[in-house]
Amino acid sequence: MFETMGWIACLAMAMVALYQYLKAEHALLLEHRLVTVSGDGLAPHLEKAMLEVFEEIRRKTAEKKSS
């Protein structure tokens, strides 16, 4: 039983260490803005995708009306 508790304690300490590491890394990313996300240039692609969805909806609606 004590051996199992030792493994559990070891695992818990490892999880705490991993959490602290990831938290510090996240803070660095936010501080230095190493990661940036931009949606520039997506508008034409999104418009095309939306038009395809609307066309599919129109097609299925027309099929249901005709059957």
N, C-alpha and C. Protein backbone atom coordinates (compact mmCIF):
# COMPACT_ATOMS: atom_id res chain seq x y z
N MET A 1 0.82 -1.20 0.00
CA MET A 1 0.00 0.00 0.00
C MET A 1 0.86 1.26 0.00
N PHE A 2 1.91 1.28 0.83
CA PHE A 2 2.78 2.45 0.87
C PHE A 2 3.50 2.64 -0.45
N GLU A 3 3.82 1.52 -1.12
CA GLU A 3 4.48 1.61 -2.42
C GLU A 3 3.56 2.29 -3.43
N THR A 4 2.30 1.93 -3.41
CA THR A 4 1.32 2.53 -4.31
C THR A 4 1.16 4.02 -4.00
N MET A 5 1.10 4.37 -2.74
CA MET A 5 0.98 5.77 -2.36
C MET A 5 2.20 6.56 -2.81
N GLY A 6 3.37 5.92 -2.79
CA GLY A 6 4.57 6.58 -3.26
C GLY A 6 4.48 6.92 -4.74
N TRP A 7 3.95 5.99 -5.54
CA TRP A 7 3.79 6.24 -6.97
C TRP A 7 2.77 7.34 -7.22
N ILE A 8 1.71 7.33 -6.42
CA ILE A 8 0.69 8.37 -6.58
C ILE A 8 1.27 9.74 -6.25
N ALA A 9 2.03 9.81 -5.17
CA ALA A 9 2.66 11.08 -4.79
C ALA A 9 3.64 11.53 -5.86
N CYS A 10 4.40 10.61 -6.40
CA CYS A 10 5.36 10.93 -7.46
C CYS A 10 4.64 11.45 -8.70
N LEU A 11 3.56 10.79 -9.06
CA LEU A 11 2.76 11.23 -10.21
C LEU A 11 2.17 12.61 -9.98
N ALA A 12 1.66 12.84 -8.77
CA ALA A 12 1.09 14.15 -8.45
C ALA A 12 2.15 15.24 -8.53
N MET A 13 3.35 14.98 -8.02
CA MET A 13 4.42 15.98 -8.09
C MET A 13 4.82 16.24 -9.54
N ALA A 14 4.84 15.20 -10.36
CA ALA A 14 5.18 15.38 -11.77
C ALA A 14 4.12 16.23 -12.47
N MET A 15 2.86 16.00 -12.12
CA MET A 15 1.78 16.78 -12.74
C MET A 15 1.86 18.24 -12.33
N VAL A 16 2.20 18.50 -11.08
CA VAL A 16 2.36 19.88 -10.60
C VAL A 16 3.51 20.56 -11.33
N ALA A 17 4.61 19.83 -11.49
CA ALA A 17 5.77 20.39 -12.18
C ALA A 17 5.44 20.69 -13.64
N LEU A 18 4.72 19.79 -14.29
CA LEU A 18 4.32 20.01 -15.68
C LEU A 18 3.39 21.22 -15.78
N TYR A 19 2.46 21.35 -14.87
CA TYR A 19 1.55 22.49 -14.86
C TYR A 19 2.32 23.80 -14.72
N GLN A 20 3.26 23.83 -13.79
CA GLN A 20 4.05 25.05 -13.57
C GLN A 20 4.88 25.40 -14.80
N TYR A 21 5.44 24.38 -15.44
CA TYR A 21 6.23 24.60 -16.66
C TYR A 21 5.35 25.18 -17.77
N LEU A 22 4.19 24.58 -17.99
CA LEU A 22 3.30 25.04 -19.05
C LEU A 22 2.76 26.44 -18.75
N LYS A 23 2.49 26.72 -17.50
CA LYS A 23 2.02 28.05 -17.12
C LYS A 23 3.10 29.10 -17.39
N ALA A 24 4.35 28.79 -17.06
CA ALA A 24 5.45 29.72 -17.31
C ALA A 24 5.66 29.91 -18.81
N GLU A 25 5.58 28.84 -19.57
CA GLU A 25 5.75 28.94 -21.03
C GLU A 25 4.62 29.76 -21.64
N HIS A 26 3.41 29.59 -21.15
CA HIS A 26 2.28 30.36 -21.64
C HIS A 26 2.49 31.85 -21.36
N ALA A 27 2.98 32.16 -20.18
CA ALA A 27 3.25 33.56 -19.83
C ALA A 27 4.29 34.16 -20.77
N LEU A 28 5.32 33.39 -21.10
CA LEU A 28 6.34 33.88 -22.04
C LEU A 28 5.75 34.13 -23.42
N LEU A 29 4.90 33.22 -23.87
CA LEU A 29 4.28 33.40 -25.17
C LEU A 29 3.43 34.66 -25.21
N LEU A 30 2.69 34.90 -24.13
CA LEU A 30 1.87 36.11 -24.08
C LEU A 30 2.72 37.36 -23.99
N GLU A 31 3.81 37.29 -23.23
CA GLU A 31 4.68 38.44 -23.04
C GLU A 31 5.39 38.83 -24.32
N HIS A 32 5.90 37.84 -25.03
CA HIS A 32 6.70 38.12 -26.23
C HIS A 32 5.90 38.03 -27.52
N ARG A 33 4.67 37.65 -27.40
CA ARG A 33 3.81 37.53 -28.58
C ARG A 33 4.48 36.71 -29.68
N LEU A 34 5.01 35.56 -29.29
CA LEU A 34 5.67 34.69 -30.26
C LEU A 34 4.67 34.06 -31.22
N VAL A 35 3.44 33.95 -30.77
CA VAL A 35 2.41 33.35 -31.60
C VAL A 35 1.39 34.42 -31.92
N THR A 36 1.15 34.62 -33.19
CA THR A 36 0.12 35.57 -33.60
C THR A 36 -0.82 34.87 -34.57
N VAL A 37 -2.07 35.22 -34.48
CA VAL A 37 -3.07 34.64 -35.37
C VAL A 37 -3.72 35.78 -36.13
N SER A 38 -3.78 35.63 -37.43
CA SER A 38 -4.36 36.67 -38.26
C SER A 38 -5.35 36.04 -39.23
N GLY A 39 -6.45 36.70 -39.44
CA GLY A 39 -7.45 36.21 -40.37
C GLY A 39 -7.41 36.91 -41.71
N ASP A 40 -6.35 37.69 -41.94
CA ASP A 40 -6.24 38.42 -43.20
C ASP A 40 -6.27 37.44 -44.37
N GLY A 41 -7.06 37.76 -45.35
CA GLY A 41 -7.11 36.94 -46.55
C GLY A 41 -8.08 35.77 -46.46
N LEU A 42 -8.76 35.59 -45.33
CA LEU A 42 -9.68 34.48 -45.19
C LEU A 42 -11.06 34.78 -45.76
N ALA A 43 -11.40 36.04 -45.90
CA ALA A 43 -12.74 36.42 -46.32
C ALA A 43 -13.19 35.73 -47.61
N PRO A 44 -12.39 35.71 -48.67
CA PRO A 44 -12.85 35.04 -49.90
C PRO A 44 -13.11 33.55 -49.69
N HIS A 45 -12.28 32.91 -48.90
CA HIS A 45 -12.44 31.48 -48.66
C HIS A 45 -13.69 31.21 -47.82
N LEU A 46 -13.92 32.05 -46.82
CA LEU A 46 -15.10 31.89 -45.98
C LEU A 46 -16.37 32.16 -46.79
N GLU A 47 -16.31 33.16 -47.65
CA GLU A 47 -17.48 33.46 -48.48
C GLU A 47 -17.79 32.29 -49.40
N LYS A 48 -16.77 31.71 -49.99
CA LYS A 48 -16.98 30.57 -50.88
C LYS A 48 -17.58 29.39 -50.11
N ALA A 49 -17.06 29.13 -48.91
CA ALA A 49 -17.57 28.02 -48.11
C ALA A 49 -19.04 28.27 -47.73
N MET A 50 -19.37 29.52 -47.35
CA MET A 50 -20.74 29.84 -46.99
C MET A 50 -21.67 29.67 -48.19
N LEU A 51 -21.23 30.10 -49.35
CA LEU A 51 -22.05 29.96 -50.55
C LEU A 51 -22.29 28.49 -50.87
N GLU A 52 -21.28 27.65 -50.67
CA GLU A 52 -21.45 26.21 -50.90
C GLU A 52 -22.46 25.61 -49.93
N VAL A 53 -22.41 26.05 -48.67
CA VAL A 53 -23.37 25.56 -47.68
C VAL A 53 -24.78 26.00 -48.06
N PHE A 54 -24.93 27.28 -48.41
CA PHE A 54 -26.25 27.77 -48.78
C PHE A 54 -26.79 27.06 -50.02
N GLU A 55 -25.93 26.78 -50.98
CA GLU A 55 -26.35 26.07 -52.19
C GLU A 55 -26.81 24.65 -51.84
N GLU A 56 -26.12 24.01 -50.93
CA GLU A 56 -26.51 22.66 -50.51
C GLU A 56 -27.86 22.70 -49.79
N ILE A 57 -28.06 23.70 -48.95
CA ILE A 57 -29.35 23.86 -48.26
C ILE A 57 -30.47 24.08 -49.28
N ARG A 58 -30.20 24.95 -50.26
CA ARG A 58 -31.19 25.21 -51.30
C ARG A 58 -31.53 23.95 -52.09
N ARG A 59 -30.48 23.17 -52.42
CA ARG A 59 -30.68 21.94 -53.18
C ARG A 59 -31.51 20.94 -52.40
N LYS A 60 -31.20 20.75 -51.12
CA LYS A 60 -31.94 19.79 -50.30
C LYS A 60 -33.38 20.24 -50.08
N THR A 61 -33.58 21.55 -49.94
CA THR A 61 -34.94 22.08 -49.78
C THR A 61 -35.75 21.82 -51.04
N ALA A 62 -35.13 22.05 -52.19
CA ALA A 62 -35.82 21.81 -53.45
C ALA A 62 -36.16 20.33 -53.63
N GLU A 63 -35.24 19.44 -53.20
CA GLU A 63 -35.50 18.00 -53.29
C GLU A 63 -36.68 17.60 -52.42
N LYS A 64 -36.75 18.16 -51.21
CA LYS A 64 -37.84 17.81 -50.30
C LYS A 64 -39.17 18.31 -50.83
N LYS A 65 -39.18 19.50 -51.45
CA LYS A 65 -40.42 20.04 -52.00
C LYS A 65 -40.91 19.20 -53.18
N SER A 66 -39.97 18.69 -53.97
CA SER A 66 -40.36 17.93 -55.16
C SER A 66 -40.78 16.50 -54.84
N SER A 67 -40.41 15.98 -53.69
CA SER A 67 -40.77 14.58 -53.38
C SER A 67 -42.03 14.46 -52.57
